[in-house]
């Protein structure tokens, strides 16, 4: 189960794309890289980096609300992954 909340706020999307904010697991602080991928399961099985689309599956348009950490395997609200502290 992936979980995400898609933001339509252009200013937020632009800041995240520009690297103004850090993306990290709220539980263990792991920071995913561009090469890390998640699978839309259950769903269409599409594999992609969920942070590229703010958890909207490009294969079937399913909007996930939670994301599983690839390091600690814990689930968190997708929006909690976006750290408001400026990236290093």
PDB file of N, CA and C in Angstrom:
ATOM      1  N   UNK A   1       0.844  -1.174   0.000  1.00  0.00           N
ATOM      2  CA  UNK A   1       0.000   0.000   0.000  1.00  0.00           C
ATOM      3  C   UNK A   1       0.889   1.237   0.000  1.00  0.00           C
ATOM      4  N   UNK A   2       0.726   2.050  -0.975  1.00  0.00           N
ATOM      5  CA  UNK A   2       1.378   3.354  -1.000  1.00  0.00           C
ATOM      6  C   UNK A   2       0.340   4.359  -0.597  1.00  0.00           C
ATOM      7  N   UNK A   3       0.762   5.469  -0.057  1.00  0.00           N
ATOM      8  CA  UNK A   3      -0.228   6.446   0.314  1.00  0.00           C
ATOM      9  C   UNK A   3       0.265   7.838   0.052  1.00  0.00           C
ATOM     10  N   UNK A   4      -0.568   8.634  -0.583  1.00  0.00           N
ATOM     11  CA  UNK A   4      -0.132   9.954  -0.962  1.00  0.00           C
ATOM     12  C   UNK A   4      -1.280  10.922  -1.028  1.00  0.00           C
ATOM     13  N   UNK A   5      -0.929  12.166  -0.911  1.00  0.00           N
ATOM     14  CA  UNK A   5      -1.893  13.237  -1.070  1.00  0.00           C
ATOM     15  C   UNK A   5      -1.311  14.182  -2.091  1.00  0.00           C
ATOM     16  N   UNK A   6      -1.962  14.325  -3.213  1.00  0.00           N
ATOM     17  CA  UNK A   6      -1.443  15.134  -4.315  1.00  0.00           C
ATOM     18  C   UNK A   6      -1.704  16.605  -4.041  1.00  0.00           C
ATOM     19  N   UNK A   7      -0.700  17.435  -4.248  1.00  0.00           N
ATOM     20  CA  UNK A   7      -0.846  18.870  -4.052  1.00  0.00           C
ATOM     21  C   UNK A   7      -1.026  19.563  -5.388  1.00  0.00           C
ATOM     22  N   UNK A   8      -2.030  20.398  -5.464  1.00  0.00           N
ATOM     23  CA  UNK A   8      -2.243  21.188  -6.677  1.00  0.00           C
ATOM     24  C   UNK A   8      -1.649  22.581  -6.521  1.00  0.00           C
ATOM     25  N   UNK A   9      -1.038  22.844  -5.384  1.00  0.00           N
ATOM     26  CA  UNK A   9      -0.437  24.148  -5.124  1.00  0.00           C
ATOM     27  C   UNK A   9       0.846  24.288  -5.937  1.00  0.00           C
ATOM     28  N   UNK A  10       0.816  25.120  -6.975  1.00  0.00           N
ATOM     29  CA  UNK A  10       1.956  25.272  -7.877  1.00  0.00           C
ATOM     30  C   UNK A  10       3.204  25.740  -7.138  1.00  0.00           C
ATOM     31  N   UNK A  11       3.061  26.636  -6.192  1.00  0.00           N
ATOM     32  CA  UNK A  11       4.215  27.146  -5.447  1.00  0.00           C
ATOM     33  C   UNK A  11       4.897  26.011  -4.675  1.00  0.00           C
ATOM     34  N   UNK A  12       4.124  25.155  -4.048  1.00  0.00           N
ATOM     35  CA  UNK A  12       4.683  24.022  -3.306  1.00  0.00           C
ATOM     36  C   UNK A  12       5.389  23.079  -4.267  1.00  0.00           C
ATOM     37  N   UNK A  13       4.737  22.737  -5.391  1.00  0.00           N
ATOM     38  CA  UNK A  13       5.348  21.838  -6.369  1.00  0.00           C
ATOM     39  C   UNK A  13       6.651  22.409  -6.898  1.00  0.00           C
ATOM     40  N   UNK A  14       6.682  23.693  -7.210  1.00  0.00           N
ATOM     41  CA  UNK A  14       7.891  24.311  -7.751  1.00  0.00           C
ATOM     42  C   UNK A  14       9.032  24.274  -6.733  1.00  0.00           C
ATOM     43  N   UNK A  15       8.741  24.526  -5.466  1.00  0.00           N
ATOM     44  CA  UNK A  15       9.773  24.477  -4.431  1.00  0.00           C
ATOM     45  C   UNK A  15      10.335  23.074  -4.286  1.00  0.00           C
ATOM     46  N   UNK A  16       9.449  22.079  -4.296  1.00  0.00           N
ATOM     47  CA  UNK A  16       9.906  20.700  -4.147  1.00  0.00           C
ATOM     48  C   UNK A  16      10.737  20.273  -5.344  1.00  0.00           C
ATOM     49  N   UNK A  17      10.319  20.610  -6.534  1.00  0.00           N
ATOM     50  CA  UNK A  17      11.083  20.262  -7.733  1.00  0.00           C
ATOM     51  C   UNK A  17      12.436  20.949  -7.741  1.00  0.00           C
ATOM     52  N   UNK A  18      12.487  22.160  -7.210  1.00  0.00           N
ATOM     53  CA  UNK A  18      13.733  22.916  -7.197  1.00  0.00           C
ATOM     54  C   UNK A  18      14.668  22.504  -6.081  1.00  0.00           C
ATOM     55  N   UNK A  19      14.253  21.564  -5.243  1.00  0.00           N
ATOM     56  CA  UNK A  19      15.116  21.086  -4.174  1.00  0.00           C
ATOM     57  C   UNK A  19      15.142  21.979  -2.950  1.00  0.00           C
ATOM     58  N   UNK A  20      14.128  22.841  -2.784  1.00  0.00           N
ATOM     59  CA  UNK A  20      14.093  23.736  -1.636  1.00  0.00           C
ATOM     60  C   UNK A  20      13.780  23.010  -0.337  1.00  0.00           C
ATOM     61  N   UNK A  21      13.175  21.831  -0.435  1.00  0.00           N
ATOM     62  CA  UNK A  21      12.806  21.075   0.738  1.00  0.00           C
ATOM     63  C   UNK A  21      13.405  19.681   0.666  1.00  0.00           C
ATOM     64  N   UNK A  22      13.618  19.111   1.839  1.00  0.00           N
ATOM     65  CA  UNK A  22      14.165  17.767   1.946  1.00  0.00           C
ATOM     66  C   UNK A  22      13.002  16.778   1.971  1.00  0.00           C
ATOM     67  N   UNK A  23      13.187  15.622   1.356  1.00  0.00           N
ATOM     68  CA  UNK A  23      12.219  14.534   1.421  1.00  0.00           C
ATOM     69  C   UNK A  23      12.871  13.436   2.238  1.00  0.00           C
ATOM     70  N   UNK A  24      12.194  13.050   3.329  1.00  0.00           N
ATOM     71  CA  UNK A  24      12.756  11.990   4.169  1.00  0.00           C
ATOM     72  C   UNK A  24      11.666  11.284   4.962  1.00  0.00           C
ATOM     73  N   UNK A  25      11.965  10.055   5.328  1.00  0.00           N
ATOM     74  CA  UNK A  25      11.024   9.240   6.088  1.00  0.00           C
ATOM     75  C   UNK A  25      10.781   9.884   7.454  1.00  0.00           C
ATOM     76  N   UNK A  26       9.530  10.077   7.819  1.00  0.00           N
ATOM     77  CA  UNK A  26       9.235  10.672   9.132  1.00  0.00           C
ATOM     78  C   UNK A  26       9.614   9.768  10.300  1.00  0.00           C
ATOM     79  N   UNK A  27       9.772   8.463  10.043  1.00  0.00           N
ATOM     80  CA  UNK A  27      10.086   7.521  11.117  1.00  0.00           C
ATOM     81  C   UNK A  27      11.589   7.351  11.339  1.00  0.00           C
ATOM     82  N   UNK A  28      12.366   7.162  10.250  1.00  0.00           N
ATOM     83  CA  UNK A  28      13.799   6.861  10.411  1.00  0.00           C
ATOM     84  C   UNK A  28      14.723   7.917   9.781  1.00  0.00           C
ATOM     85  N   UNK A  29      14.138   8.918   9.140  1.00  0.00           N
ATOM     86  CA  UNK A  29      14.878  10.031   8.528  1.00  0.00           C
ATOM     87  C   UNK A  29      15.630   9.665   7.248  1.00  0.00           C
ATOM     88  N   UNK A  30      15.426   8.452   6.711  1.00  0.00           N
ATOM     89  CA  UNK A  30      16.065   8.051   5.456  1.00  0.00           C
ATOM     90  C   UNK A  30      15.611   8.969   4.329  1.00  0.00           C
ATOM     91  N   UNK A  31      16.541   9.350   3.464  1.00  0.00           N
ATOM     92  CA  UNK A  31      16.232  10.223   2.342  1.00  0.00           C
ATOM     93  C   UNK A  31      16.333   9.439   1.032  1.00  0.00           C
ATOM     94  N   UNK A  32      15.197   9.251   0.343  1.00  0.00           N
ATOM     95  CA  UNK A  32      15.239   8.503  -0.913  1.00  0.00           C
ATOM     96  C   UNK A  32      15.978   9.267  -2.000  1.00  0.00           C
ATOM     97  N   UNK A  33      16.601   8.517  -2.898  1.00  0.00           N
ATOM     98  CA  UNK A  33      17.288   9.124  -4.036  1.00  0.00           C
ATOM     99  C   UNK A  33      16.410   9.081  -5.271  1.00  0.00           C
ATOM    100  N   UNK A  34      16.847   9.720  -6.328  1.00  0.00           N
ATOM    101  CA  UNK A  34      16.087   9.755  -7.580  1.00  0.00           C
ATOM    102  C   UNK A  34      15.902   8.348  -8.158  1.00  0.00           C
ATOM    103  N   UNK A  35      16.829   7.438  -7.857  1.00  0.00           N
ATOM    104  CA  UNK A  35      16.777   6.081  -8.405  1.00  0.00           C
ATOM    105  C   UNK A  35      15.836   5.162  -7.638  1.00  0.00           C
ATOM    106  N   UNK A  36      15.370   5.550  -6.467  1.00  0.00           N
ATOM    107  CA  UNK A  36      14.494   4.704  -5.657  1.00  0.00           C
ATOM    108  C   UNK A  36      13.090   4.679  -6.258  1.00  0.00           C
ATOM    109  N   UNK A  37      12.486   3.485  -6.243  1.00  0.00           N
ATOM    110  CA  UNK A  37      11.173   3.331  -6.857  1.00  0.00           C
ATOM    111  C   UNK A  37      10.202   2.585  -5.954  1.00  0.00           C
ATOM    112  N   UNK A  38       8.921   2.850  -6.176  1.00  0.00           N
ATOM    113  CA  UNK A  38       7.821   2.200  -5.482  1.00  0.00           C
ATOM    114  C   UNK A  38       6.915   1.580  -6.533  1.00  0.00           C
ATOM    115  N   UNK A  39       6.101   0.634  -6.125  1.00  0.00           N
ATOM    116  CA  UNK A  39       5.203  -0.060  -7.049  1.00  0.00           C
ATOM    117  C   UNK A  39       3.751   0.195  -6.639  1.00  0.00           C
ATOM    118  N   UNK A  40       2.907   0.445  -7.606  1.00  0.00           N
ATOM    119  CA  UNK A  40       1.475   0.658  -7.377  1.00  0.00           C
ATOM    120  C   UNK A  40       0.822  -0.707  -7.133  1.00  0.00           C
ATOM    121  N   UNK A  41       0.847  -1.126  -5.848  1.00  0.00           N
ATOM    122  CA  UNK A  41       0.302  -2.419  -5.459  1.00  0.00           C
ATOM    123  C   UNK A  41      -0.432  -2.289  -4.130  1.00  0.00           C
ATOM    124  N   UNK A  42      -1.712  -2.610  -3.988  1.00  0.00           N
ATOM    125  CA  UNK A  42      -2.529  -3.077  -5.100  1.00  0.00           C
ATOM    126  C   UNK A  42      -2.836  -1.916  -6.049  1.00  0.00           C
ATOM    127  N   UNK A  43      -2.941  -2.255  -7.256  1.00  0.00           N
ATOM    128  CA  UNK A  43      -3.183  -1.262  -8.300  1.00  0.00           C
ATOM    129  C   UNK A  43      -2.724  -1.804  -9.627  1.00  0.00           C
ATOM    130  N   UNK A  44      -2.132  -0.942 -10.439  1.00  0.00           N
ATOM    131  CA  UNK A  44      -1.776  -1.333 -11.808  1.00  0.00           C
ATOM    132  C   UNK A  44      -0.387  -1.952 -11.928  1.00  0.00           C
ATOM    133  N   UNK A  45       0.424  -1.898 -10.850  1.00  0.00           N
ATOM    134  CA  UNK A  45       1.752  -2.489 -10.881  1.00  0.00           C
ATOM    135  C   UNK A  45       2.836  -1.586 -11.459  1.00  0.00           C
ATOM    136  N   UNK A  46       2.490  -0.344 -11.786  1.00  0.00           N
ATOM    137  CA  UNK A  46       3.478   0.592 -12.339  1.00  0.00           C
ATOM    138  C   UNK A  46       4.572   0.866 -11.303  1.00  0.00           C
ATOM    139  N   UNK A  47       5.812   0.987 -11.765  1.00  0.00           N
ATOM    140  CA  UNK A  47       6.954   1.257 -10.885  1.00  0.00           C
ATOM    141  C   UNK A  47       7.497   2.644 -11.227  1.00  0.00           C
ATOM    142  N   UNK A  48       7.656   3.489 -10.213  1.00  0.00           N
ATOM    143  CA  UNK A  48       8.147   4.854 -10.413  1.00  0.00           C
ATOM    144  C   UNK A  48       8.616   5.433  -9.089  1.00  0.00           C
ATOM    145  N   UNK A  49       9.268   6.587  -9.151  1.00  0.00           N
ATOM    146  CA  UNK A  49       9.647   7.295  -7.929  1.00  0.00           C
ATOM    147  C   UNK A  49       8.440   8.119  -7.515  1.00  0.00           C
ATOM    148  N   UNK A  50       7.814   7.718  -6.425  1.00  0.00           N
ATOM    149  CA  UNK A  50       6.570   8.329  -5.979  1.00  0.00           C
ATOM    150  C   UNK A  50       6.698   9.826  -5.698  1.00  0.00           C
ATOM    151  N   UNK A  51       7.912  10.283  -5.387  1.00  0.00           N
ATOM    152  CA  UNK A  51       8.086  11.694  -5.076  1.00  0.00           C
ATOM    153  C   UNK A  51       8.169  12.561  -6.330  1.00  0.00           C
ATOM    154  N   UNK A  52       8.310  11.930  -7.483  1.00  0.00           N
ATOM    155  CA  UNK A  52       8.277  12.675  -8.747  1.00  0.00           C
ATOM    156  C   UNK A  52       6.870  13.172  -9.059  1.00  0.00           C
ATOM    157  N   UNK A  53       5.858  12.479  -8.522  1.00  0.00           N
ATOM    158  CA  UNK A  53       4.467  12.821  -8.830  1.00  0.00           C
ATOM    159  C   UNK A  53       3.643  13.120  -7.583  1.00  0.00           C
ATOM    160  N   UNK A  54       4.301  13.258  -6.470  1.00  0.00           N
ATOM    161  CA  UNK A  54       3.638  13.476  -5.182  1.00  0.00           C
ATOM    162  C   UNK A  54       2.582  12.396  -4.934  1.00  0.00           C
ATOM    163  N   UNK A  55       2.985  11.144  -5.227  1.00  0.00           N
ATOM    164  CA  UNK A  55       2.219   9.931  -4.929  1.00  0.00           C
ATOM    165  C   UNK A  55       1.043   9.674  -5.863  1.00  0.00           C
ATOM    166  N   UNK A  56       1.045  10.281  -7.011  1.00  0.00           N
ATOM    167  CA  UNK A  56       0.014  10.002  -8.012  1.00  0.00           C
ATOM    168  C   UNK A  56       0.596   9.020  -9.012  1.00  0.00           C
ATOM    169  N   UNK A  57       0.008   7.822  -9.101  1.00  0.00           N
ATOM    170  CA  UNK A  57       0.537   6.800 -10.002  1.00  0.00           C
ATOM    171  C   UNK A  57       0.360   7.240 -11.454  1.00  0.00           C
ATOM    172  N   UNK A  58       1.446   7.296 -12.223  1.00  0.00           N
ATOM    173  CA  UNK A  58       1.331   7.675 -13.630  1.00  0.00           C
ATOM    174  C   UNK A  58       0.691   6.592 -14.486  1.00  0.00           C
ATOM    175  N   UNK A  59       0.601   5.373 -13.963  1.00  0.00           N
ATOM    176  CA  UNK A  59       0.018   4.277 -14.721  1.00  0.00           C
ATOM    177  C   UNK A  59      -1.508   4.248 -14.685  1.00  0.00           C
ATOM    178  N   UNK A  60      -2.079   4.540 -13.517  1.00  0.00           N
ATOM    179  CA  UNK A  60      -3.537   4.424 -13.368  1.00  0.00           C
ATOM    180  C   UNK A  60      -4.177   5.630 -12.684  1.00  0.00           C
ATOM    181  N   UNK A  61      -3.375   6.614 -12.315  1.00  0.00           N
ATOM    182  CA  UNK A  61      -3.848   7.843 -11.645  1.00  0.00           C
ATOM    183  C   UNK A  61      -4.378   7.603 -10.234  1.00  0.00           C
ATOM    184  N   UNK A  62      -3.978   6.497  -9.628  1.00  0.00           N
ATOM    185  CA  UNK A  62      -4.348   6.263  -8.228  1.00  0.00           C
ATOM    186  C   UNK A  62      -3.565   7.226  -7.358  1.00  0.00           C
ATOM    187  N   UNK A  63      -4.253   7.895  -6.444  1.00  0.00           N
ATOM    188  CA  UNK A  63      -3.607   8.826  -5.529  1.00  0.00           C
ATOM    189  C   UNK A  63      -3.381   8.126  -4.201  1.00  0.00           C
ATOM    190  N   UNK A  64      -2.122   7.898  -3.872  1.00  0.00           N
ATOM    191  CA  UNK A  64      -1.778   7.235  -2.621  1.00  0.00           C
ATOM    192  C   UNK A  64      -1.742   8.243  -1.488  1.00  0.00           C
ATOM    193  N   UNK A  65      -2.144   7.814  -0.276  1.00  0.00           N
ATOM    194  CA  UNK A  65      -2.113   8.695   0.884  1.00  0.00           C
ATOM    195  C   UNK A  65      -0.980   8.344   1.845  1.00  0.00           C
ATOM    196  N   UNK A  66      -0.456   7.120   1.750  1.00  0.00           N
ATOM    197  CA  UNK A  66       0.632   6.665   2.612  1.00  0.00           C
ATOM    198  C   UNK A  66       1.769   6.114   1.766  1.00  0.00           C
ATOM    199  N   UNK A  67       2.977   6.230   2.288  1.00  0.00           N
ATOM    200  CA  UNK A  67       4.168   5.722   1.606  1.00  0.00           C
ATOM    201  C   UNK A  67       4.956   4.846   2.556  1.00  0.00           C
ATOM    202  N   UNK A  68       5.421   3.729   2.056  1.00  0.00           N
ATOM    203  CA  UNK A  68       6.253   2.826   2.834  1.00  0.00           C
ATOM    204  C   UNK A  68       7.714   3.208   2.639  1.00  0.00           C
ATOM    205  N   UNK A  69       8.455   3.249   3.736  1.00  0.00           N
ATOM    206  CA  UNK A  69       9.884   3.550   3.667  1.00  0.00           C
ATOM    207  C   UNK A  69      10.623   2.309   3.161  1.00  0.00           C
ATOM    208  N   UNK A  70      11.485   2.499   2.190  1.00  0.00           N
ATOM    209  CA  UNK A  70      12.259   1.382   1.653  1.00  0.00           C
ATOM    210  C   UNK A  70      13.362   0.937   2.609  1.00  0.00           C
ATOM    211  N   UNK A  71      13.637   1.742   3.621  1.00  0.00           N
ATOM    212  CA  UNK A  71      14.676   1.396   4.595  1.00  0.00           C
ATOM    213  C   UNK A  71      14.096   0.722   5.839  1.00  0.00           C
ATOM    214  N   UNK A  72      13.162   1.402   6.517  1.00  0.00           N
ATOM    215  CA  UNK A  72      12.628   0.850   7.770  1.00  0.00           C
ATOM    216  C   UNK A  72      11.313   0.090   7.570  1.00  0.00           C
ATOM    217  N   UNK A  73      10.732   0.166   6.394  1.00  0.00           N
ATOM    218  CA  UNK A  73       9.490  -0.490   5.987  1.00  0.00           C
ATOM    219  C   UNK A  73       8.238   0.005   6.716  1.00  0.00           C
ATOM    220  N   UNK A  74       8.344   1.084   7.455  1.00  0.00           N
ATOM    221  CA  UNK A  74       7.186   1.660   8.144  1.00  0.00           C
ATOM    222  C   UNK A  74       6.384   2.532   7.173  1.00  0.00           C
ATOM    223  N   UNK A  75       5.075   2.637   7.416  1.00  0.00           N
ATOM    224  CA  UNK A  75       4.183   3.455   6.599  1.00  0.00           C
ATOM    225  C   UNK A  75       3.954   4.799   7.264  1.00  0.00           C
ATOM    226  N   UNK A  76       3.924   5.857   6.456  1.00  0.00           N
ATOM    227  CA  UNK A  76       3.637   7.207   6.943  1.00  0.00           C
ATOM    228  C   UNK A  76       2.776   7.928   5.922  1.00  0.00           C
ATOM    229  N   UNK A  77       2.047   8.926   6.380  1.00  0.00           N
ATOM    230  CA  UNK A  77       1.332   9.777   5.442  1.00  0.00           C
ATOM    231  C   UNK A  77       2.337  10.351   4.444  1.00  0.00           C
ATOM    232  N   UNK A  78       1.999  10.333   3.188  1.00  0.00           N
ATOM    233  CA  UNK A  78       2.935  10.813   2.170  1.00  0.00           C
ATOM    234  C   UNK A  78       3.357  12.254   2.441  1.00  0.00           C
ATOM    235  N   UNK A  79       2.424  13.094   2.815  1.00  0.00           N
ATOM    236  CA  UNK A  79       2.735  14.508   3.048  1.00  0.00           C
ATOM    237  C   UNK A  79       3.744  14.710   4.176  1.00  0.00           C
ATOM    238  N   UNK A  80       3.823  13.757   5.110  1.00  0.00           N
ATOM    239  CA  UNK A  80       4.777  13.878   6.216  1.00  0.00           C
ATOM    240  C   UNK A  80       6.218  13.675   5.771  1.00  0.00           C
ATOM    241  N   UNK A  81       6.430  13.168   4.563  1.00  0.00           N
ATOM    242  CA  UNK A  81       7.780  12.962   4.030  1.00  0.00           C
ATOM    243  C   UNK A  81       8.439  14.280   3.622  1.00  0.00           C
ATOM    244  N   UNK A  82       7.667  15.317   3.409  1.00  0.00           N
ATOM    245  CA  UNK A  82       8.205  16.593   2.929  1.00  0.00           C
ATOM    246  C   UNK A  82       8.608  17.454   4.121  1.00  0.00           C
ATOM    247  N   UNK A  83       9.912  17.539   4.344  1.00  0.00           N
ATOM    248  CA  UNK A  83      10.471  18.292   5.468  1.00  0.00           C
ATOM    249  C   UNK A  83      10.582  19.754   5.062  1.00  0.00           C
ATOM    250  N   UNK A  84      10.038  20.633   5.887  1.00  0.00           N
ATOM    251  CA  UNK A  84      10.018  22.057   5.570  1.00  0.00           C
ATOM    252  C   UNK A  84      11.370  22.734   5.761  1.00  0.00           C
ATOM    253  N   UNK A  85      12.321  22.021   6.340  1.00  0.00           N
ATOM    254  CA  UNK A  85      13.665  22.587   6.495  1.00  0.00           C
ATOM    255  C   UNK A  85      14.350  22.624   5.128  1.00  0.00           C
ATOM    256  N   UNK A  86      15.066  23.684   4.822  1.00  0.00           N
ATOM    257  CA  UNK A  86      15.765  23.744   3.543  1.00  0.00           C
ATOM    258  C   UNK A  86      16.739  22.590   3.399  1.00  0.00           C
ATOM    259  N   UNK A  87      16.860  22.069   2.179  1.00  0.00           N
ATOM    260  CA  UNK A  87      17.797  20.991   1.912  1.00  0.00           C
ATOM    261  C   UNK A  87      19.217  21.499   2.078  1.00  0.00           C
ATOM    262  N   UNK A  88      20.114  20.596   2.491  1.00  0.00           N
ATOM    263  CA  UNK A  88      21.522  20.967   2.669  1.00  0.00           C
ATOM    264  C   UNK A  88      22.170  21.278   1.342  1.00  0.00           C
TER     265      UNK A  88
END
